[in-house]
Amino acid sequence: MQNMIDKIIQFRDDRGWKPYHNEKDLAISIALEANELLENFQWKSSEEALESSTENIKDEMADVLIYLLQLAEKMNIDLEEEVSRKMEKNAIKYPINK
């Protein structure tokens, strides 16, 4: 994952975008890109959306992840560690026998 993060940060820095990528605006961008992802499914079944919009769905998923990784980098958060921590919490909250 670090290789991917490094490529994203290099892309951002090569274009001089770092000053504009504050925590608030990155969080807003994640929400906006997630909404663009949702648009692919609006008024369609999952099957219809996948049939007609798979490439755009993949693009929007990538955009969400790119902004999320930039936010994590900005906040010095190790997402791999946080996902593991959250999965442990979820295992307690939602045990298998529920």
N, C-alpha and C. Protein backbone atom coordinates (compact mmCIF):
# COMPACT_ATOMS: atom_id res chain seq x y z
N MET A 1 0.82 -1.19 0.00
CA MET A 1 0.00 0.00 0.00
C MET A 1 0.87 1.26 0.00
N GLN A 2 2.03 1.19 0.63
CA GLN A 2 2.89 2.38 0.70
C GLN A 2 3.32 2.85 -0.68
N ASN A 3 3.56 1.91 -1.60
CA ASN A 3 3.93 2.27 -2.97
C ASN A 3 2.83 3.09 -3.62
N MET A 4 1.57 2.69 -3.42
CA MET A 4 0.44 3.41 -3.97
C MET A 4 0.34 4.80 -3.35
N ILE A 5 0.50 4.90 -2.06
CA ILE A 5 0.45 6.19 -1.38
C ILE A 5 1.54 7.11 -1.91
N ASP A 6 2.75 6.56 -2.06
CA ASP A 6 3.87 7.36 -2.57
C ASP A 6 3.57 7.91 -3.97
N LYS A 7 2.98 7.10 -4.82
CA LYS A 7 2.64 7.54 -6.18
C LYS A 7 1.59 8.65 -6.14
N ILE A 8 0.60 8.51 -5.28
CA ILE A 8 -0.45 9.52 -5.16
C ILE A 8 0.13 10.84 -4.66
N ILE A 9 0.97 10.78 -3.65
CA ILE A 9 1.57 11.99 -3.08
C ILE A 9 2.49 12.64 -4.10
N GLN A 10 3.25 11.85 -4.82
CA GLN A 10 4.13 12.40 -5.86
C GLN A 10 3.31 13.10 -6.95
N PHE A 11 2.22 12.50 -7.36
CA PHE A 11 1.32 13.09 -8.36
C PHE A 11 0.83 14.45 -7.87
N ARG A 12 0.36 14.48 -6.61
CA ARG A 12 -0.12 15.73 -6.00
C ARG A 12 0.98 16.77 -5.95
N ASP A 13 2.13 16.38 -5.46
CA ASP A 13 3.23 17.33 -5.28
C ASP A 13 3.77 17.85 -6.61
N ASP A 14 3.82 16.99 -7.62
CA ASP A 14 4.30 17.42 -8.94
C ASP A 14 3.43 18.53 -9.52
N ARG A 15 2.18 18.59 -9.11
CA ARG A 15 1.25 19.59 -9.62
C ARG A 15 1.06 20.78 -8.68
N GLY A 16 1.75 20.76 -7.55
CA GLY A 16 1.67 21.87 -6.61
C GLY A 16 0.33 21.97 -5.88
N TRP A 17 -0.34 20.85 -5.72
CA TRP A 17 -1.67 20.86 -5.10
C TRP A 17 -1.64 20.73 -3.58
N LYS A 18 -0.49 20.44 -2.99
CA LYS A 18 -0.44 20.18 -1.54
C LYS A 18 -1.06 21.31 -0.70
N PRO A 19 -0.83 22.59 -1.03
CA PRO A 19 -1.42 23.65 -0.20
C PRO A 19 -2.95 23.63 -0.16
N TYR A 20 -3.57 23.04 -1.16
CA TYR A 20 -5.03 23.01 -1.24
C TYR A 20 -5.62 21.76 -0.61
N HIS A 21 -4.77 20.82 -0.26
CA HIS A 21 -5.25 19.54 0.26
C HIS A 21 -5.21 19.51 1.78
N ASN A 22 -6.07 20.34 2.37
CA ASN A 22 -6.19 20.34 3.83
C ASN A 22 -7.23 19.28 4.22
N GLU A 23 -7.29 18.99 5.51
CA GLU A 23 -8.16 17.92 5.99
C GLU A 23 -9.63 18.15 5.62
N LYS A 24 -10.11 19.36 5.79
CA LYS A 24 -11.52 19.65 5.48
C LYS A 24 -11.82 19.40 4.01
N ASP A 25 -10.99 19.93 3.14
CA ASP A 25 -11.27 19.80 1.72
C ASP A 25 -11.08 18.37 1.22
N LEU A 26 -10.15 17.65 1.81
CA LEU A 26 -10.01 16.23 1.44
C LEU A 26 -11.23 15.44 1.88
N ALA A 27 -11.74 15.72 3.08
CA ALA A 27 -12.94 15.02 3.56
C ALA A 27 -14.14 15.35 2.67
N ILE A 28 -14.27 16.61 2.27
CA ILE A 28 -15.34 17.00 1.35
C ILE A 28 -15.19 16.26 0.03
N SER A 29 -13.98 16.18 -0.47
CA SER A 29 -13.73 15.50 -1.74
C SER A 29 -14.09 14.02 -1.67
N ILE A 30 -13.82 13.38 -0.54
CA ILE A 30 -14.20 11.97 -0.37
C ILE A 30 -15.72 11.84 -0.50
N ALA A 31 -16.45 12.71 0.18
CA ALA A 31 -17.91 12.66 0.12
C ALA A 31 -18.43 12.92 -1.29
N LEU A 32 -17.86 13.90 -1.97
CA LEU A 32 -18.29 14.22 -3.33
C LEU A 32 -18.04 13.06 -4.28
N GLU A 33 -16.87 12.45 -4.18
CA GLU A 33 -16.55 11.31 -5.05
C GLU A 33 -17.43 10.11 -4.72
N ALA A 34 -17.75 9.91 -3.44
CA ALA A 34 -18.64 8.82 -3.07
C ALA A 34 -20.03 9.05 -3.66
N ASN A 35 -20.46 10.30 -3.70
CA ASN A 35 -21.75 10.61 -4.33
C ASN A 35 -21.70 10.38 -5.84
N GLU A 36 -20.58 10.67 -6.46
CA GLU A 36 -20.44 10.37 -7.89
C GLU A 36 -20.51 8.87 -8.14
N LEU A 37 -19.97 8.11 -7.21
CA LEU A 37 -20.08 6.65 -7.30
C LEU A 37 -21.55 6.23 -7.21
N LEU A 38 -22.28 6.82 -6.27
CA LEU A 38 -23.70 6.49 -6.10
C LEU A 38 -24.53 6.81 -7.33
N GLU A 39 -24.17 7.87 -8.03
CA GLU A 39 -24.93 8.26 -9.23
C GLU A 39 -25.01 7.13 -10.25
N ASN A 40 -24.00 6.29 -10.29
CA ASN A 40 -23.99 5.18 -11.24
C ASN A 40 -25.10 4.17 -10.95
N PHE A 41 -25.59 4.14 -9.73
CA PHE A 41 -26.60 3.17 -9.32
C PHE A 41 -28.01 3.76 -9.23
N GLN A 42 -28.10 5.08 -9.33
CA GLN A 42 -29.40 5.73 -9.16
C GLN A 42 -30.38 5.28 -10.24
N TRP A 43 -31.55 4.87 -9.79
CA TRP A 43 -32.66 4.46 -10.65
C TRP A 43 -32.37 3.20 -11.45
N LYS A 44 -31.40 2.41 -11.02
CA LYS A 44 -31.05 1.17 -11.71
C LYS A 44 -30.90 0.06 -10.68
N SER A 45 -31.06 -1.15 -11.12
CA SER A 45 -30.69 -2.28 -10.26
C SER A 45 -29.17 -2.36 -10.26
N SER A 46 -28.64 -3.10 -9.32
CA SER A 46 -27.18 -3.29 -9.29
C SER A 46 -26.70 -3.88 -10.61
N GLU A 47 -27.45 -4.84 -11.12
CA GLU A 47 -27.06 -5.49 -12.37
C GLU A 47 -27.02 -4.51 -13.53
N GLU A 48 -28.03 -3.65 -13.62
CA GLU A 48 -28.08 -2.65 -14.69
C GLU A 48 -26.93 -1.66 -14.59
N ALA A 49 -26.64 -1.23 -13.37
CA ALA A 49 -25.55 -0.28 -13.16
C ALA A 49 -24.21 -0.90 -13.56
N LEU A 50 -23.99 -2.13 -13.15
CA LEU A 50 -22.72 -2.79 -13.49
C LEU A 50 -22.61 -3.03 -14.99
N GLU A 51 -23.72 -3.33 -15.61
CA GLU A 51 -23.73 -3.58 -17.05
C GLU A 51 -23.39 -2.31 -17.84
N SER A 52 -23.91 -1.18 -17.39
CA SER A 52 -23.75 0.05 -18.16
C SER A 52 -22.63 0.97 -17.68
N SER A 53 -22.15 0.79 -16.45
CA SER A 53 -21.26 1.81 -15.86
C SER A 53 -20.03 1.25 -15.16
N THR A 54 -19.64 0.04 -15.44
CA THR A 54 -18.53 -0.57 -14.69
C THR A 54 -17.26 0.28 -14.72
N GLU A 55 -16.90 0.80 -15.88
CA GLU A 55 -15.67 1.61 -15.97
C GLU A 55 -15.77 2.86 -15.12
N ASN A 56 -16.89 3.54 -15.16
CA ASN A 56 -17.05 4.75 -14.36
C ASN A 56 -17.10 4.42 -12.87
N ILE A 57 -17.73 3.31 -12.52
CA ILE A 57 -17.76 2.87 -11.13
C ILE A 57 -16.33 2.65 -10.62
N LYS A 58 -15.51 1.99 -11.41
CA LYS A 58 -14.12 1.77 -11.01
C LYS A 58 -13.37 3.09 -10.86
N ASP A 59 -13.60 4.03 -11.78
CA ASP A 59 -12.96 5.35 -11.67
C ASP A 59 -13.35 6.06 -10.39
N GLU A 60 -14.63 6.04 -10.08
CA GLU A 60 -15.11 6.73 -8.87
C GLU A 60 -14.61 6.05 -7.60
N MET A 61 -14.55 4.73 -7.61
CA MET A 61 -13.99 4.02 -6.46
C MET A 61 -12.53 4.41 -6.25
N ALA A 62 -11.79 4.51 -7.35
CA ALA A 62 -10.39 4.92 -7.26
C ALA A 62 -10.28 6.34 -6.71
N ASP A 63 -11.15 7.24 -7.18
CA ASP A 63 -11.12 8.62 -6.68
C ASP A 63 -11.36 8.68 -5.18
N VAL A 64 -12.32 7.91 -4.68
CA VAL A 64 -12.59 7.88 -3.23
C VAL A 64 -11.34 7.42 -2.48
N LEU A 65 -10.73 6.36 -2.97
CA LEU A 65 -9.54 5.83 -2.30
C LEU A 65 -8.37 6.81 -2.36
N ILE A 66 -8.19 7.46 -3.49
CA ILE A 66 -7.09 8.43 -3.64
C ILE A 66 -7.24 9.55 -2.61
N TYR A 67 -8.43 10.11 -2.49
CA TYR A 67 -8.62 11.18 -1.51
C TYR A 67 -8.51 10.66 -0.08
N LEU A 68 -9.00 9.46 0.17
CA LEU A 68 -8.90 8.89 1.51
C LEU A 68 -7.44 8.67 1.90
N LEU A 69 -6.64 8.16 0.99
CA LEU A 69 -5.22 7.94 1.28
C LEU A 69 -4.49 9.26 1.49
N GLN A 70 -4.88 10.29 0.75
CA GLN A 70 -4.26 11.60 0.96
C GLN A 70 -4.63 12.17 2.33
N LEU A 71 -5.87 11.98 2.74
CA LEU A 71 -6.29 12.44 4.06
C LEU A 71 -5.54 11.70 5.15
N ALA A 72 -5.41 10.41 5.01
CA ALA A 72 -4.67 9.61 6.00
C ALA A 72 -3.21 10.06 6.07
N GLU A 73 -2.62 10.31 4.93
CA GLU A 73 -1.22 10.76 4.89
C GLU A 73 -1.09 12.11 5.58
N LYS A 74 -2.02 13.00 5.29
CA LYS A 74 -2.01 14.35 5.88
C LYS A 74 -2.12 14.28 7.40
N MET A 75 -2.91 13.31 7.90
CA MET A 75 -3.16 13.19 9.33
C MET A 75 -2.23 12.18 10.01
N ASN A 76 -1.27 11.65 9.26
CA ASN A 76 -0.33 10.65 9.78
C ASN A 76 -1.06 9.45 10.37
N ILE A 77 -2.05 8.96 9.64
CA ILE A 77 -2.82 7.80 10.07
C ILE A 77 -2.44 6.61 9.21
N ASP A 78 -2.13 5.51 9.85
CA ASP A 78 -1.83 4.25 9.17
C ASP A 78 -3.15 3.51 8.97
N LEU A 79 -3.67 3.56 7.75
CA LEU A 79 -4.99 2.97 7.50
C LEU A 79 -5.00 1.46 7.67
N GLU A 80 -3.90 0.80 7.34
CA GLU A 80 -3.86 -0.65 7.54
C GLU A 80 -4.05 -0.97 9.01
N GLU A 81 -3.38 -0.23 9.86
CA GLU A 81 -3.50 -0.42 11.31
C GLU A 81 -4.92 -0.09 11.78
N GLU A 82 -5.48 0.99 11.26
CA GLU A 82 -6.81 1.41 11.69
C GLU A 82 -7.89 0.45 11.22
N VAL A 83 -7.72 -0.13 10.03
CA VAL A 83 -8.69 -1.12 9.56
C VAL A 83 -8.64 -2.36 10.46
N SER A 84 -7.45 -2.79 10.82
CA SER A 84 -7.33 -3.94 11.72
C SER A 84 -7.98 -3.66 13.07
N ARG A 85 -7.72 -2.47 13.60
CA ARG A 85 -8.31 -2.07 14.88
C ARG A 85 -9.83 -2.06 14.79
N LYS A 86 -10.35 -1.49 13.70
CA LYS A 86 -11.80 -1.40 13.53
C LYS A 86 -12.42 -2.78 13.35
N MET A 87 -11.75 -3.68 12.65
CA MET A 87 -12.27 -5.03 12.47
C MET A 87 -12.35 -5.76 13.81
N GLU A 88 -11.39 -5.52 14.70
CA GLU A 88 -11.44 -6.10 16.03
C GLU A 88 -12.65 -5.58 16.80
N LYS A 89 -12.89 -4.28 16.72
CA LYS A 89 -14.06 -3.69 17.38
C LYS A 89 -15.35 -4.27 16.79
N ASN A 90 -15.38 -4.40 15.45
CA ASN A 90 -16.58 -4.96 14.80
C ASN A 90 -16.83 -6.41 15.21
N ALA A 91 -15.77 -7.17 15.40
CA ALA A 91 -15.91 -8.57 15.80
C ALA A 91 -16.57 -8.67 17.17
N ILE A 92 -16.26 -7.74 18.05
CA ILE A 92 -16.89 -7.72 19.37
C ILE A 92 -18.35 -7.26 19.26
N LYS A 93 -18.56 -6.22 18.46
CA LYS A 93 -19.90 -5.65 18.32
C LYS A 93 -20.83 -6.59 17.55
N TYR A 94 -20.30 -7.32 16.59
CA TYR A 94 -21.10 -8.22 15.76
C TYR A 94 -20.51 -9.62 15.77
N PRO A 95 -20.68 -10.33 16.89
CA PRO A 95 -20.11 -11.69 16.97
C PRO A 95 -20.78 -12.61 15.94
N ILE A 96 -20.09 -13.67 15.59
CA ILE A 96 -20.57 -14.59 14.57
C ILE A 96 -21.94 -15.16 14.90
N ASN A 97 -22.20 -15.42 16.16
CA ASN A 97 -23.46 -16.07 16.55
C ASN A 97 -24.66 -15.13 16.54
N LYS A 98 -24.49 -13.86 16.20
CA LYS A 98 -25.63 -12.91 16.17
C LYS A 98 -26.42 -13.06 14.91
